[in-house]
C-alpha cells in the first residue's frame, strides 16, 4: 500500500531515500527525489546531508548539465535473484495503463518497487524506461480521495478481515452502514469495484445473503477494518462470458450495426460465444449473450441510429420505449 509521503516522518523519508538510491540502476536528481518524497528541494538536501554523515554508505555525486545527480555506492556483490527484464518491463507497462485508476501515491510506491527490482537484474540488463506507455480515458474517477479506503480494503482482503462500511449507492440515496467481508477487487469500465459478502454485525461473521455484493470503491464514504475474521465462502470468478457485470437472467440478443460502426464492433469480444455476419453494404449483425438489461440497453443506445436491436422482441420494445422518451424530451423546446 502506497504511503502518503506528505504526512510521512523525516525518518521514514530518509529510509525511503536511502533504499531508493542504494538499489537504483541510475542516479536521481533533486527534482526527481523531491517529487518522489513529496517534499521541497531544501528538505531533500538536508536528507542527503544526513546520509553523507552516516556510516551506512557513500553518496555518489555526478552532473547532468547543471543538474546534480545522486546515488548510493553499491556493495561489490548483490544477491542473485530470479528476475526477468522482460517481466519487469511488462509490469512497468501495466503500471502506466493503470494511471487513471490508481491514486498517485500508489504509482509512487510501484515506481520505487520496480526501480528496486531492476537493481537486481543481471549485469548489462537495460533499466526501465521513464515512460513505457500511457492511459487515456473520458469521465475518469479521481481515486486520490479514496487512497485510505483502498488501503483498508486491500489489507482486509489479504487478512480475511471484516470492514465496517458506510455506503452511498447513488447521489441522492441514503447512506447505509453494514459489515462487509471484501474478497476481490475488479477493474470495470474506468472504475474500481470490490466484491464480497455483507455479514452479520454480531457473532460469527457469516453471510447475510447467499449471493455476494459488489460495491463501487468511490461510493464508500467510510471504511474501517475490524478484528473480526470473515467466515465466508470464496467468490466464483466473474462471468466474463456474457455482456454486463450486474446480475440478471441470461438472454441472447441480435443487433444490427451500420457500416460506420461495423469496424469498431467487429474488432471486439462482447461475449463468449458471439457470432458476426457481414452484409454486402458493410453493415453487420451481431448475436451476443447478455445478462444485464440496463447495461445492454445503455450500450446499444450509445451507438445512436447506427445500431438496432432485432431480437428478442421484448428487448427491442424496451429500447423503443426509451427512444420514444428521448424523442419526447428533445422534441420539446427548453422551458425558460
Protein backbone atom coordinates (compact mmCIF):
# COMPACT_ATOMS: atom_id res chain seq x y z
CA UNK A 1 0.00 0.00 0.00
CA UNK A 2 1.43 3.38 -1.02
CA UNK A 3 2.26 5.82 1.72
CA UNK A 4 1.11 9.43 1.75
CA UNK A 5 4.58 10.98 1.82
CA UNK A 6 3.21 14.46 2.60
CA UNK A 7 2.43 13.11 6.08
CA UNK A 8 5.46 10.87 6.48
CA UNK A 9 8.02 11.39 9.22
CA UNK A 10 11.54 12.61 8.29
CA UNK A 11 12.96 9.25 9.38
CA UNK A 12 10.59 7.44 7.01
CA UNK A 13 11.60 9.68 4.12
CA UNK A 14 15.26 9.20 4.98
CA UNK A 15 14.86 5.40 4.91
CA UNK A 16 12.99 5.54 1.59
CA UNK A 17 15.66 7.80 0.09
CA UNK A 18 18.46 5.51 1.27
CA UNK A 19 16.76 2.39 -0.13
CA UNK A 20 15.95 4.04 -3.46
CA UNK A 21 19.44 5.40 -4.04
CA UNK A 22 21.07 2.17 -2.89
CA UNK A 23 19.29 -0.18 -5.32
CA UNK A 24 18.60 2.28 -8.17
CA UNK A 25 20.13 1.42 -11.52
CA UNK A 26 20.70 5.11 -12.24
CA UNK A 27 21.31 8.33 -10.27
CA UNK A 28 18.40 10.60 -9.30
CA UNK A 29 18.17 14.40 -9.48
CA UNK A 30 16.94 16.69 -6.72
CA UNK A 31 13.76 17.30 -8.74
CA UNK A 32 13.01 13.58 -9.03
CA UNK A 33 13.66 12.91 -5.35
CA UNK A 34 11.59 15.91 -4.33
CA UNK A 35 8.65 14.64 -6.39
CA UNK A 36 9.08 11.08 -5.12
CA UNK A 37 9.09 12.04 -1.44
CA UNK A 38 6.65 14.96 -1.82
CA UNK A 39 8.93 17.47 -0.13
CA UNK A 40 10.96 20.57 -1.06
CA UNK A 41 14.45 20.51 -2.59
CA UNK A 42 15.99 22.07 0.57
CA UNK A 43 14.42 19.24 2.59
CA UNK A 44 15.92 16.69 0.17
CA UNK A 45 19.32 18.38 0.52
CA UNK A 46 19.11 18.01 4.31
CA UNK A 47 18.24 14.32 3.94
CA UNK A 48 21.23 13.81 1.62
CA UNK A 49 23.49 15.53 4.14
CA UNK A 50 22.23 13.12 6.80
CA UNK A 51 23.05 10.17 4.54
CA UNK A 52 26.51 11.55 3.83
CA UNK A 53 27.13 11.95 7.55
CA UNK A 54 26.10 8.39 8.33
CA UNK A 55 28.22 5.24 8.24
CA UNK A 56 25.80 3.19 6.15
CA UNK A 57 27.15 4.04 2.72
CA UNK A 58 28.62 6.72 0.50
CA UNK A 59 26.54 9.12 -1.57
CA UNK A 60 27.96 9.37 -5.08
CA UNK A 61 27.51 12.69 -6.88
CA UNK A 62 27.56 13.31 -10.64
CA UNK A 63 26.45 16.04 -13.03
CA UNK A 64 23.99 16.18 -15.90
CA UNK A 65 24.45 19.63 -17.34
CA UNK A 66 23.79 22.00 -14.44
CA UNK A 67 21.80 19.41 -12.53
CA UNK A 68 23.34 17.40 -9.69
CA UNK A 69 22.62 13.67 -9.56
CA UNK A 70 22.79 11.35 -6.55
CA UNK A 71 23.17 7.62 -5.98
CA UNK A 72 24.40 5.42 -3.14
CA UNK A 73 27.56 3.44 -3.69
CA UNK A 74 26.56 -0.17 -4.28
CA UNK A 75 28.04 -3.20 -2.46
CA UNK A 76 30.59 -5.13 -4.51
CA UNK A 77 28.23 -8.10 -4.74
CA UNK A 78 24.44 -8.12 -4.94
CA UNK A 79 22.29 -11.19 -4.21
CA UNK A 80 21.27 -13.33 -7.16
CA UNK A 81 17.50 -13.41 -7.65
CA UNK A 82 15.23 -14.81 -10.37
CA UNK A 83 14.04 -11.67 -12.16
CA UNK A 84 13.24 -11.17 -15.82
CA UNK A 85 13.93 -7.86 -17.56
CA UNK A 86 11.01 -8.54 -19.92
CA UNK A 87 8.71 -9.29 -16.99
CA UNK A 88 9.64 -6.06 -15.21
CA UNK A 89 9.18 -4.12 -18.45
CA UNK A 90 5.66 -5.55 -18.79
CA UNK A 91 4.91 -4.70 -15.15
CA UNK A 92 6.01 -1.14 -15.88
CA UNK A 93 3.59 -1.07 -18.81
CA UNK A 94 0.77 -2.33 -16.56
CA UNK A 95 1.61 0.44 -14.09
CA UNK A 96 1.28 3.09 -16.80
CA UNK A 97 -2.01 1.66 -18.07
CA UNK A 98 -3.45 1.84 -14.53
CA UNK A 99 -2.69 5.56 -14.27
CA UNK A 100 -6.34 6.55 -14.49
CA UNK A 101 -7.49 4.07 -11.85
CA UNK A 102 -4.98 4.12 -9.01
CA UNK A 103 -4.08 7.15 -6.86
CA UNK A 104 -0.76 8.92 -7.33
CA UNK A 105 0.66 7.62 -4.06
CA UNK A 106 0.21 4.04 -5.30
CA UNK A 107 2.05 4.90 -8.50
CA UNK A 108 4.97 6.26 -6.49
CA UNK A 109 5.10 3.07 -4.45
CA UNK A 110 5.05 0.93 -7.61
CA UNK A 111 7.77 3.12 -9.14
CA UNK A 112 10.02 2.62 -6.13
CA UNK A 113 9.40 -1.15 -6.07
CA UNK A 114 10.15 -1.51 -9.78
CA UNK A 115 13.34 0.55 -9.54
CA UNK A 116 14.49 -1.56 -6.62
CA UNK A 117 13.77 -4.77 -8.53
CA UNK A 118 15.67 -3.54 -11.59
CA UNK A 119 18.81 -3.17 -9.45
CA UNK A 120 18.95 -6.96 -9.02
CA UNK A 121 18.84 -7.79 -12.73
CA UNK A 122 21.91 -9.45 -14.25
CA UNK A 123 24.81 -7.19 -15.20
CA UNK A 124 24.26 -5.48 -18.54
CA UNK A 125 20.44 -5.61 -18.43
CA UNK A 126 18.67 -2.47 -19.52
CA UNK A 127 16.86 -0.47 -16.87
CA UNK A 128 13.25 0.63 -17.04
CA UNK A 129 12.44 3.47 -19.45
CA UNK A 130 10.94 6.56 -17.84
CA UNK A 131 7.64 6.13 -19.72
CA UNK A 132 6.52 2.81 -21.18
CA UNK A 133 3.02 3.90 -22.14
CA UNK A 134 0.07 5.94 -21.02
CA UNK A 135 -3.66 5.61 -20.45
CA UNK A 136 -6.39 7.88 -21.73
CA UNK A 137 -10.00 7.97 -20.57
CA UNK A 138 -13.15 10.04 -20.60
CA UNK A 139 -15.20 10.55 -17.48
CA UNK A 140 -12.47 9.19 -15.21
CA UNK A 141 -12.93 8.91 -11.44
CA UNK A 142 -10.37 10.64 -9.23
CA UNK A 143 -9.35 7.97 -6.73
CA UNK A 144 -6.96 10.18 -4.80
CA UNK A 145 -9.55 10.88 -2.04
CA UNK A 146 -10.09 7.13 -1.71
CA UNK A 147 -6.45 6.21 -1.09
CA UNK A 148 -7.15 5.27 2.54
CA UNK A 149 -10.24 3.25 1.61
CA UNK A 150 -8.27 1.27 -0.96
CA UNK A 151 -5.60 0.54 1.64
CA UNK A 152 -8.10 -0.73 4.20
CA UNK A 153 -9.94 -2.87 1.65
CA UNK A 154 -6.75 -4.44 0.25
CA UNK A 155 -5.48 -5.25 3.73
CA UNK A 156 -8.86 -6.74 4.70
CA UNK A 157 -8.79 -8.97 1.61
CA UNK A 158 -5.26 -10.09 2.46
CA UNK A 159 -6.03 -10.73 6.15
CA UNK A 160 -9.60 -12.05 5.66
CA UNK A 161 -10.95 -9.31 7.93
CA UNK A 162 -14.41 -7.72 8.17
CA UNK A 163 -14.84 -4.00 7.49
CA UNK A 164 -17.44 -1.59 8.83
CA UNK A 165 -18.74 0.18 5.71
CA UNK A 166 -20.72 3.38 5.21
CA UNK A 167 -22.03 3.26 1.64
CA UNK A 168 -24.00 5.60 -0.62
CA UNK A 169 -25.24 3.79 -3.69
CA UNK A 170 -26.32 6.91 -5.61
CA UNK A 171 -26.02 10.69 -5.33
CA UNK A 172 -29.47 11.10 -3.76
CA UNK A 173 -29.53 7.77 -1.94
CA UNK A 174 -29.50 7.43 1.84
CA UNK A 175 -26.19 6.27 3.28
CA UNK A 176 -26.28 2.73 4.66
CA UNK A 177 -23.93 1.08 7.15
CA UNK A 178 -23.16 -2.63 7.28
CA UNK A 179 -20.39 -5.11 7.98
CA UNK A 180 -18.67 -6.28 4.83
CA UNK A 181 -16.12 -9.01 4.12
CA UNK A 182 -14.22 -7.95 0.95
CA UNK A 183 -12.86 -10.78 -1.18
CA UNK A 184 -11.75 -9.39 -4.56
CA UNK A 185 -11.06 -6.15 -6.46
CA UNK A 186 -12.41 -5.72 -10.00
CA UNK A 187 -11.50 -3.12 -12.59
CA UNK A 188 -14.50 -2.38 -14.79
CA UNK A 189 -15.03 0.48 -17.26
CA UNK A 190 -12.67 3.02 -15.70
CA UNK A 191 -13.81 2.22 -12.16
CA UNK A 192 -12.73 0.04 -9.24
CA UNK A 193 -15.20 -2.36 -7.67
CA UNK A 194 -14.88 -4.64 -4.67
CA UNK A 195 -16.78 -7.90 -4.32
CA UNK A 196 -17.54 -9.53 -1.01
CA UNK A 197 -20.28 -10.52 1.40
CA UNK A 198 -22.42 -8.47 3.76
CA UNK A 199 -22.05 -10.33 7.04
CA UNK A 200 -23.81 -10.45 10.39
CA UNK A 201 -22.99 -7.46 12.58
CA UNK A 202 -22.66 -9.59 15.70
CA UNK A 203 -21.44 -13.06 16.47
CA UNK A 204 -19.88 -15.17 13.75
CA UNK A 205 -19.16 -13.12 10.61
CA UNK A 206 -21.29 -15.25 8.30
CA UNK A 207 -23.01 -14.00 5.11
CA UNK A 208 -26.41 -12.34 5.47
CA UNK A 209 -27.29 -13.09 1.83
CA UNK A 210 -26.49 -16.11 -0.32
CA UNK A 211 -25.02 -14.07 -3.18
CA UNK A 212 -22.04 -11.75 -2.97
CA UNK A 213 -22.35 -7.96 -3.13
CA UNK A 214 -20.43 -5.64 -5.47
CA UNK A 215 -19.56 -2.15 -4.22
CA UNK A 216 -18.08 0.80 -6.10
CA UNK A 217 -14.98 1.95 -4.21
CA UNK A 218 -15.71 5.66 -4.86
CA UNK A 219 -19.15 5.31 -3.22
CA UNK A 220 -17.71 4.02 0.06
CA UNK A 221 -17.95 7.01 2.40
CA UNK A 222 -16.19 5.36 5.35
CA UNK A 223 -14.33 2.08 5.78
CA UNK A 224 -12.82 0.74 9.00
CA UNK A 225 -11.18 -2.64 9.40
CA UNK A 226 -12.21 -4.68 12.43
CA UNK A 227 -10.54 -7.60 14.19
CA UNK A 228 -13.30 -9.99 13.13
CA UNK A 229 -12.32 -12.81 10.78
CA UNK A 230 -14.69 -13.36 7.84
CA UNK A 231 -16.45 -16.72 7.75
CA UNK A 232 -17.48 -16.56 4.10
CA UNK A 233 -17.05 -18.81 1.04
CA UNK A 234 -14.85 -17.95 -1.90
CA UNK A 235 -16.45 -15.98 -4.70
CA UNK A 236 -16.61 -17.67 -8.11
CA UNK A 237 -14.63 -15.96 -10.85
CA UNK A 238 -16.64 -13.17 -12.53
CA UNK A 239 -18.65 -14.33 -15.53
CA UNK A 240 -16.80 -12.67 -18.36
CA UNK A 241 -18.63 -14.71 -20.99
CA UNK A 242 -21.75 -12.50 -21.07
CA UNK A 243 -22.21 -8.77 -21.59
CA UNK A 244 -22.51 -6.79 -18.34
CA UNK A 245 -21.37 -7.13 -14.76
CA UNK A 246 -24.70 -6.75 -12.94
CA UNK A 247 -26.57 -9.97 -12.14
CA UNK A 248 -29.60 -10.95 -14.20
CA UNK A 249 -31.18 -13.70 -16.26
CA UNK A 250 -29.01 -14.51 -19.31
CA UNK A 251 -30.50 -13.65 -22.72
CA UNK A 252 -29.40 -13.75 -26.35
CA UNK A 253 -29.70 -10.58 -28.42
CA UNK A 254 -29.33 -9.92 -32.14
CA UNK A 255 -28.22 -6.40 -33.05
CA UNK A 256 -27.69 -4.75 -36.43
CA UNK A 257 -24.85 -2.23 -36.79
CA UNK A 258 -24.33 0.12 -39.72
CA UNK A 259 -21.12 0.15 -41.77
CA UNK A 260 -19.84 3.16 -39.81
CA UNK A 261 -19.91 1.15 -36.56
CA UNK A 262 -19.02 -2.24 -38.06
CA UNK A 263 -15.23 -1.95 -37.72
CA UNK A 264 -15.39 -0.96 -34.04
CA UNK A 265 -17.91 -3.68 -33.17
CA UNK A 266 -16.25 -6.49 -35.14
CA UNK A 267 -12.83 -5.90 -33.56
CA UNK A 268 -14.07 -6.58 -30.04
CA UNK A 269 -15.23 -9.54 -27.98
CA UNK A 270 -18.58 -8.68 -26.40
CA UNK A 271 -19.46 -12.13 -25.09
CA UNK A 272 -18.42 -15.74 -25.45
CA UNK A 273 -19.81 -17.12 -27.64
CA UNK A 274 -20.78 -14.47 -30.19
CA UNK A 275 -21.32 -14.54 -33.95
CA UNK A 276 -20.90 -11.81 -36.55
CA UNK A 277 -22.37 -11.81 -40.06
CA UNK A 278 -21.37 -9.09 -42.53
CA UNK A 279 -23.78 -7.70 -45.11
CA UNK A 280 -22.88 -6.58 -48.62
CA UNK A 281 -23.34 -2.91 -47.68
CA UNK A 282 -20.68 -3.18 -44.94
CA UNK A 283 -23.13 -3.42 -42.06
CA UNK A 284 -23.16 -6.43 -39.76
CA UNK A 285 -25.43 -8.45 -37.49
CA UNK A 286 -24.07 -9.38 -34.07
CA UNK A 287 -25.50 -12.18 -31.96
CA UNK A 288 -24.35 -11.72 -28.39
CA UNK A 289 -25.20 -13.00 -24.91
CA UNK A 290 -26.13 -10.59 -22.13
CA UNK A 291 -27.35 -10.76 -18.56
CA UNK A 292 -27.83 -7.12 -17.53
CA UNK A 293 -30.66 -5.44 -19.44
CA UNK A 294 -29.90 -1.87 -18.24
CA UNK A 295 -26.23 -2.17 -19.22
CA UNK A 296 -27.04 -3.75 -22.57
CA UNK A 297 -29.72 -1.18 -23.42
CA UNK A 298 -27.38 1.69 -22.48
CA UNK A 299 -24.66 0.20 -24.69
CA UNK A 300 -26.96 -0.12 -27.72
CA UNK A 301 -28.34 3.40 -27.27
CA UNK A 302 -24.78 4.78 -27.15
CA UNK A 303 -24.49 3.92 -30.86
CA UNK A 304 -27.46 6.14 -31.76
CA UNK A 305 -29.02 5.33 -35.13
CA UNK A 306 -26.05 3.13 -36.14
CA UNK A 307 -27.42 0.22 -34.05
CA UNK A 308 -30.79 -1.54 -33.95
CA UNK A 309 -31.91 -4.42 -31.76
CA UNK A 310 -33.65 -7.06 -33.88
CA UNK A 311 -34.24 -9.74 -31.24
CA UNK A 312 -35.59 -10.53 -28.70
CA UNK A 313 -38.82 -8.65 -29.28
CA UNK A 314 -39.20 -7.68 -25.61
CA UNK A 315 -35.76 -6.03 -25.57
CA UNK A 316 -36.49 -4.25 -28.86
CA UNK A 317 -39.73 -2.92 -27.35
CA UNK A 318 -37.98 -1.79 -24.16
CA UNK A 319 -35.32 0.13 -26.11
CA UNK A 320 -38.06 1.54 -28.36
CA UNK A 321 -39.80 2.96 -25.29
CA UNK A 322 -36.53 4.58 -24.19
CA UNK A 323 -36.11 6.12 -27.66
CA UNK A 324 -39.70 7.41 -27.55
CA UNK A 325 -38.98 9.14 -24.23
CA UNK A 326 -35.87 10.72 -25.72
CA UNK A 327 -37.89 11.90 -28.72
CA UNK A 328 -40.44 13.44 -26.40
CA UNK A 329 -37.72 15.13 -24.35
CA UNK A 330 -35.80 16.57 -27.30
CA UNK A 331 -38.93 17.27 -29.37
CA UNK A 332 -39.99 19.99 -26.94
CA UNK A 333 -38.39 23.42 -26.56
CA UNK A 334 -36.46 24.12 -23.37
CA UNK A 335 -38.67 25.90 -20.86
CA UNK A 336 -37.35 29.32 -19.86
